[in-house]
């Protein structure tokens, strides 16, 4: 669990984790909170042997880098399985048991393979009232049963607050590079490229939507409303993420080449990473021929507008 100024909702989340079945160790790193979050964590650590607080003198890292440090710590502890937790959610009582059951079935089918198990979640407000029964439906995303890598190169559909990984996946993905867009996206890419992505199609987490979410649940229909004052800002944020996705793919391809030179996914990964060097016609041809796509017509059109903008900037330069 990564924390930062989470005192308002932290106790409820910790309680929901404590109510999970099985013997689990909680590893937490606080990212320089100025509220009561450190006190709450220390109180729990003083009464629970399996509650570890990472201590360091690093500056504030942000959520992805914070989770990257936690994933590294989980690997150093030889964790067989690792589940990610946001500080402000509420886990459903069977979250870990259901995911662990699916994980072990996947490992039986694919011994030694890196596996990521994730689920849907419900969206709640600050007081716990239901906003939407399905986070994924609310976001306009869905699980990809086949060809997941072709989507994950340009769009993440795996929500980190529901993720469980096994040790083979941790060994591949850690350390998380600084060019990774988000830790959960990076984990999903490795599972899709070399192992298995398993989806449990029901909410196992209550995702709390509030003003200070690091990412937040974004309704696609609301985003497309041209009268929204932040439409341009969000388009620019998407443009920035697209540019970073090329760097993320470059890091993925570089590490994969070291581990498995000649892997069949390498040409697609490296080709996607090299898109900024191509003209717009070559870009669209590569995407089409290799089935690299976003999950809706709207998202695909937005991606094309951003590719056109990138190409125009390059020509102007």
Protein backbone atom coordinates (compact mmCIF):
# COMPACT_ATOMS: atom_id res chain seq x y z
CA UNK A 1 0.00 0.00 0.00
CA UNK A 2 1.24 3.44 -0.99
CA UNK A 3 0.01 6.30 1.21
CA UNK A 4 0.01 10.07 1.10
CA UNK A 5 -2.20 12.30 3.26
CA UNK A 6 -4.78 9.56 3.46
CA UNK A 7 -6.01 9.96 7.04
CA UNK A 8 -9.65 10.50 6.04
CA UNK A 9 -10.22 7.02 4.58
CA UNK A 10 -7.18 5.00 5.64
CA UNK A 11 -8.64 3.32 8.73
CA UNK A 12 -11.57 1.83 6.79
CA UNK A 13 -9.23 0.46 4.14
CA UNK A 14 -6.87 -1.07 6.71
CA UNK A 15 -9.84 -2.65 8.45
CA UNK A 16 -11.07 -4.18 5.19
CA UNK A 17 -7.59 -5.62 4.57
CA UNK A 18 -7.39 -7.01 8.11
CA UNK A 19 -10.67 -8.88 7.50
CA UNK A 20 -9.23 -10.85 4.54
CA UNK A 21 -8.69 -14.56 5.05
CA UNK A 22 -5.22 -16.12 4.99
CA UNK A 23 -1.86 -14.99 6.29
CA UNK A 24 -0.77 -11.83 4.51
CA UNK A 25 1.94 -9.30 5.25
CA UNK A 26 1.11 -5.63 4.73
CA UNK A 27 3.95 -3.50 3.33
CA UNK A 28 3.37 0.25 3.38
CA UNK A 29 5.42 3.20 2.26
CA UNK A 30 4.28 6.72 3.09
CA UNK A 31 5.23 9.42 0.59
CA UNK A 32 5.81 12.28 3.00
CA UNK A 33 2.34 12.81 4.47
CA UNK A 34 1.75 15.94 6.51
CA UNK A 35 -1.48 14.73 8.14
CA UNK A 36 -2.08 11.88 10.62
CA UNK A 37 -1.34 9.12 8.09
CA UNK A 38 2.10 8.21 9.57
CA UNK A 39 0.59 8.04 13.06
CA UNK A 40 -2.19 5.72 11.86
CA UNK A 41 0.33 3.45 10.16
CA UNK A 42 2.63 3.32 13.18
CA UNK A 43 -0.33 2.49 15.41
CA UNK A 44 -1.20 -0.52 13.26
CA UNK A 45 2.44 -1.59 12.96
CA UNK A 46 2.82 -1.57 16.75
CA UNK A 47 0.03 -4.14 17.17
CA UNK A 48 0.49 -6.27 14.03
CA UNK A 49 3.65 -8.28 13.48
CA UNK A 50 2.96 -8.66 9.76
CA UNK A 51 2.74 -4.90 9.16
CA UNK A 52 5.91 -3.46 7.64
CA UNK A 53 6.51 0.25 7.08
CA UNK A 54 9.29 1.03 4.62
CA UNK A 55 11.57 3.73 5.99
CA UNK A 56 13.83 5.90 3.84
CA UNK A 57 15.00 9.49 3.39
CA UNK A 58 13.79 9.82 -0.19
CA UNK A 59 11.84 12.90 -1.29
CA UNK A 60 8.19 12.71 -2.30
CA UNK A 61 8.01 10.26 -5.21
CA UNK A 62 4.42 10.30 -6.45
CA UNK A 63 2.13 7.24 -6.56
CA UNK A 64 3.76 5.25 -9.37
CA UNK A 65 7.31 5.60 -8.04
CA UNK A 66 6.05 4.89 -4.53
CA UNK A 67 4.48 1.64 -5.71
CA UNK A 68 7.67 0.84 -7.64
CA UNK A 69 9.61 0.92 -4.37
CA UNK A 70 6.99 -1.26 -2.70
CA UNK A 71 7.09 -3.81 -5.51
CA UNK A 72 10.87 -3.97 -5.18
CA UNK A 73 10.51 -4.53 -1.43
CA UNK A 74 7.98 -7.32 -2.03
CA UNK A 75 10.46 -8.98 -4.37
CA UNK A 76 13.25 -8.70 -1.82
CA UNK A 77 11.00 -10.36 0.75
CA UNK A 78 10.50 -13.28 -1.68
CA UNK A 79 6.75 -12.72 -1.69
CA UNK A 80 4.97 -15.53 -3.49
CA UNK A 81 2.08 -13.21 -4.33
CA UNK A 82 1.58 -9.46 -4.14
CA UNK A 83 -1.73 -7.53 -4.09
CA UNK A 84 -1.83 -3.78 -4.61
CA UNK A 85 -3.87 -1.52 -2.33
CA UNK A 86 -4.90 2.10 -2.57
CA UNK A 87 -5.25 3.95 0.71
CA UNK A 88 -8.82 5.14 0.21
CA UNK A 89 -10.65 2.08 -1.16
CA UNK A 90 -12.55 -0.64 0.67
CA UNK A 91 -11.78 -4.27 -0.13
CA UNK A 92 -14.65 -6.71 -0.32
CA UNK A 93 -14.25 -9.60 2.17
CA UNK A 94 -13.35 -12.21 -0.47
CA UNK A 95 -10.99 -10.10 -2.55
CA UNK A 96 -7.77 -11.96 -1.74
CA UNK A 97 -9.26 -15.44 -1.46
CA UNK A 98 -11.00 -15.21 -4.85
CA UNK A 99 -7.96 -13.77 -6.57
CA UNK A 100 -5.63 -16.32 -5.01
CA UNK A 101 -7.92 -19.13 -6.15
CA UNK A 102 -7.91 -17.79 -9.73
CA UNK A 103 -4.15 -17.27 -9.54
CA UNK A 104 -3.44 -20.86 -8.55
CA UNK A 105 -5.70 -22.22 -11.29
CA UNK A 106 -3.81 -20.10 -13.83
CA UNK A 107 -0.49 -21.33 -12.47
CA UNK A 108 -1.66 -24.92 -12.80
CA UNK A 109 -2.47 -24.29 -16.48
CA UNK A 110 0.79 -22.41 -17.10
CA UNK A 111 3.47 -23.52 -14.61
CA UNK A 112 6.18 -20.93 -14.04
CA UNK A 113 4.43 -18.25 -16.09
CA UNK A 114 4.05 -14.67 -14.90
CA UNK A 115 0.40 -14.14 -13.96
CA UNK A 116 -1.61 -11.03 -13.15
CA UNK A 117 -5.11 -11.35 -11.73
CA UNK A 118 -7.38 -8.33 -11.55
CA UNK A 119 -11.07 -7.64 -11.13
CA UNK A 120 -13.74 -5.05 -11.63
CA UNK A 121 -14.62 -2.65 -8.82
CA UNK A 122 -17.61 -0.55 -7.90
CA UNK A 123 -17.35 3.23 -7.74
CA UNK A 124 -18.41 4.94 -4.50
CA UNK A 125 -18.39 8.54 -3.36
CA UNK A 126 -16.74 10.10 -0.32
CA UNK A 127 -19.46 8.84 2.01
CA UNK A 128 -19.63 5.34 0.53
CA UNK A 129 -22.71 5.81 -1.65
CA UNK A 130 -22.69 3.90 -4.93
CA UNK A 131 -21.88 5.96 -8.03
CA UNK A 132 -21.64 3.02 -10.45
CA UNK A 133 -21.76 -0.75 -10.07
CA UNK A 134 -18.84 -1.24 -12.49
CA UNK A 135 -15.66 0.85 -12.65
CA UNK A 136 -14.81 -0.67 -16.02
CA UNK A 137 -18.22 0.07 -17.49
CA UNK A 138 -18.05 3.59 -16.06
CA UNK A 139 -14.66 4.10 -17.71
CA UNK A 140 -15.73 2.51 -20.99
CA UNK A 141 -13.02 -0.17 -20.81
CA UNK A 142 -13.12 -3.95 -20.85
CA UNK A 143 -10.91 -7.00 -20.46
CA UNK A 144 -9.20 -8.35 -23.58
CA UNK A 145 -9.29 -12.13 -23.64
CA UNK A 146 -6.94 -12.33 -26.64
CA UNK A 147 -4.49 -9.86 -28.12
CA UNK A 148 -4.24 -7.94 -24.85
CA UNK A 149 -0.72 -6.69 -25.61
CA UNK A 150 -1.92 -4.95 -28.77
CA UNK A 151 -4.24 -2.81 -26.65
CA UNK A 152 -1.97 -2.39 -23.63
CA UNK A 153 0.80 -0.83 -25.70
CA UNK A 154 -1.37 2.27 -26.13
CA UNK A 155 -4.10 1.96 -23.48
CA UNK A 156 -4.24 0.45 -20.02
CA UNK A 157 -7.41 -1.40 -19.01
CA UNK A 158 -6.00 -3.08 -15.88
CA UNK A 159 -6.89 -1.14 -12.73
CA UNK A 160 -4.04 -1.25 -10.24
CA UNK A 161 -6.12 -1.19 -7.08
CA UNK A 162 -7.47 -4.64 -7.97
CA UNK A 163 -4.18 -6.26 -9.08
CA UNK A 164 -2.54 -9.41 -7.72
CA UNK A 165 0.74 -10.69 -9.16
CA UNK A 166 2.75 -13.84 -8.68
CA UNK A 167 6.49 -14.02 -8.07
CA UNK A 168 7.52 -14.77 -11.69
CA UNK A 169 5.81 -11.54 -12.76
CA UNK A 170 7.53 -9.54 -10.02
CA UNK A 171 10.92 -10.89 -11.06
CA UNK A 172 10.35 -9.74 -14.64
CA UNK A 173 8.80 -6.34 -13.96
CA UNK A 174 10.97 -5.14 -11.07
CA UNK A 175 12.65 -2.69 -11.08
CA UNK A 176 9.92 -0.55 -12.60
CA UNK A 177 11.69 1.94 -14.91
CA UNK A 178 11.16 5.65 -14.62
CA UNK A 179 9.73 5.66 -18.14
CA UNK A 180 6.82 3.42 -17.12
CA UNK A 181 3.60 5.43 -17.28
CA UNK A 182 2.15 3.70 -14.23
CA UNK A 183 3.22 0.68 -12.19
CA UNK A 184 -0.01 -1.24 -12.92
CA UNK A 185 0.29 -0.61 -16.67
CA UNK A 186 3.88 -1.87 -16.59
CA UNK A 187 2.87 -5.06 -14.74
CA UNK A 188 0.03 -5.67 -17.19
CA UNK A 189 2.35 -5.31 -20.18
CA UNK A 190 4.67 -8.03 -18.84
CA UNK A 191 1.81 -10.40 -18.06
CA UNK A 192 0.36 -9.88 -21.54
CA UNK A 193 3.72 -10.29 -23.29
CA UNK A 194 5.02 -13.36 -21.46
CA UNK A 195 2.28 -14.84 -19.31
CA UNK A 196 -1.38 -14.62 -18.43
CA UNK A 197 -3.88 -11.86 -17.66
CA UNK A 198 -6.78 -13.20 -15.61
CA UNK A 199 -9.92 -11.12 -15.08
CA UNK A 200 -12.60 -11.68 -12.43
CA UNK A 201 -15.72 -10.09 -13.85
CA UNK A 202 -17.24 -8.73 -10.66
CA UNK A 203 -16.36 -6.01 -8.13
CA UNK A 204 -13.93 -7.12 -5.42
CA UNK A 205 -13.08 -3.56 -4.38
CA UNK A 206 -15.07 -0.40 -3.69
CA UNK A 207 -13.16 2.34 -5.49
CA UNK A 208 -13.63 5.66 -3.72
CA UNK A 209 -13.95 8.63 -6.04
CA UNK A 210 -13.02 11.98 -4.54
CA UNK A 211 -11.30 15.24 -5.43
CA UNK A 212 -7.78 14.02 -4.57
CA UNK A 213 -7.58 10.70 -6.46
CA UNK A 214 -4.17 10.21 -8.08
CA UNK A 215 -5.85 9.01 -11.29
CA UNK A 216 -9.60 8.93 -10.73
CA UNK A 217 -12.57 7.33 -12.43
CA UNK A 218 -13.36 9.26 -15.60
CA UNK A 219 -16.64 8.78 -17.42
CA UNK A 220 -15.86 8.77 -21.16
CA UNK A 221 -19.18 10.36 -22.17
CA UNK A 222 -18.60 13.22 -19.74
CA UNK A 223 -15.07 13.68 -21.07
CA UNK A 224 -16.41 14.13 -24.62
CA UNK A 225 -18.79 16.92 -23.60
CA UNK A 226 -17.45 19.93 -25.56
CA UNK A 227 -18.83 22.33 -22.95
CA UNK A 228 -16.55 20.95 -20.23
CA UNK A 229 -14.00 23.59 -19.31
CA UNK A 230 -11.22 21.01 -18.90
CA UNK A 231 -11.69 19.24 -22.27
CA UNK A 232 -8.55 20.74 -23.81
CA UNK A 233 -6.51 20.02 -20.69
CA UNK A 234 -7.60 16.38 -20.74
CA UNK A 235 -6.83 16.07 -24.46
CA UNK A 236 -3.34 17.40 -23.77
CA UNK A 237 -2.93 14.97 -20.87
CA UNK A 238 -3.85 12.14 -23.24
CA UNK A 239 -1.33 13.46 -25.77
CA UNK A 240 1.38 13.47 -23.09
CA UNK A 241 0.49 9.91 -22.09
CA UNK A 242 0.66 8.76 -25.71
CA UNK A 243 4.17 10.19 -26.04
CA UNK A 244 5.19 8.48 -22.81
CA UNK A 245 3.69 5.19 -23.98
CA UNK A 246 6.33 5.08 -26.74
CA UNK A 247 9.07 5.41 -24.10
CA UNK A 248 7.39 2.77 -21.98
CA UNK A 249 7.32 0.39 -24.93
CA UNK A 250 11.00 1.08 -25.61
CA UNK A 251 11.84 0.09 -22.03
CA UNK A 252 9.70 -3.03 -22.31
CA UNK A 253 11.30 -4.05 -25.59
CA UNK A 254 14.82 -3.42 -24.32
CA UNK A 255 14.38 -5.59 -21.26
CA UNK A 256 12.50 -8.30 -23.17
CA UNK A 257 15.31 -8.47 -25.73
CA UNK A 258 17.80 -9.11 -22.92
CA UNK A 259 15.66 -11.89 -21.43
CA UNK A 260 14.19 -13.45 -24.59
CA UNK A 261 15.97 -12.29 -27.76
CA UNK A 262 13.87 -13.29 -30.72
CA UNK A 263 10.60 -13.29 -28.76
CA UNK A 264 7.68 -13.01 -31.25
CA UNK A 265 6.25 -9.95 -29.50
CA UNK A 266 9.44 -7.92 -29.94
CA UNK A 267 8.79 -6.61 -33.49
CA UNK A 268 5.41 -5.20 -32.45
CA UNK A 269 6.74 -3.68 -29.22
CA UNK A 270 9.79 -2.15 -30.89
CA UNK A 271 7.73 -1.00 -33.85
CA UNK A 272 5.29 0.80 -31.56
CA UNK A 273 8.18 2.41 -29.67
CA UNK A 274 9.58 3.75 -32.96
CA UNK A 275 6.31 5.36 -34.15
CA UNK A 276 7.48 8.94 -33.37
CA UNK A 277 10.16 8.53 -36.05
CA UNK A 278 7.58 7.63 -38.74
CA UNK A 279 5.27 9.85 -40.77
CA UNK A 280 1.53 9.76 -40.11
CA UNK A 281 0.78 7.39 -43.01
CA UNK A 282 3.41 4.90 -41.83
CA UNK A 283 2.15 5.22 -38.27
CA UNK A 284 -1.44 4.41 -39.18
CA UNK A 285 -0.33 1.57 -41.46
CA UNK A 286 1.74 0.00 -38.69
CA UNK A 287 -1.07 0.28 -36.16
CA UNK A 288 -3.60 -1.25 -38.56
CA UNK A 289 -1.39 -4.09 -39.77
CA UNK A 290 -0.44 -5.10 -36.25
CA UNK A 291 -3.86 -4.69 -34.66
CA UNK A 292 -2.66 -2.08 -32.16
CA UNK A 293 -5.78 -0.31 -31.03
CA UNK A 294 -7.64 1.49 -28.31
CA UNK A 295 -10.87 0.01 -27.03
CA UNK A 296 -13.47 2.24 -28.61
CA UNK A 297 -14.00 4.18 -31.79
CA UNK A 298 -13.88 7.39 -29.80
CA UNK A 299 -10.54 6.57 -28.22
CA UNK A 300 -9.13 5.51 -31.58
CA UNK A 301 -10.20 8.81 -33.14
CA UNK A 302 -8.65 10.72 -30.25
CA UNK A 303 -5.41 8.79 -30.77
CA UNK A 304 -5.39 9.72 -34.47
CA UNK A 305 -5.82 13.42 -33.61
CA UNK A 306 -2.88 13.15 -31.22
CA UNK A 307 -0.72 11.37 -33.79
CA UNK A 308 -1.54 14.12 -36.28
CA UNK A 309 -0.60 16.74 -33.70
CA UNK A 310 2.69 14.95 -32.99
CA UNK A 311 3.51 14.74 -36.70
CA UNK A 312 2.65 18.43 -37.21
CA UNK A 313 4.96 19.44 -34.36
CA UNK A 314 7.78 17.35 -35.79
CA UNK A 315 7.37 18.93 -39.23
CA UNK A 316 7.33 22.40 -37.69
CA UNK A 317 10.53 21.62 -35.78
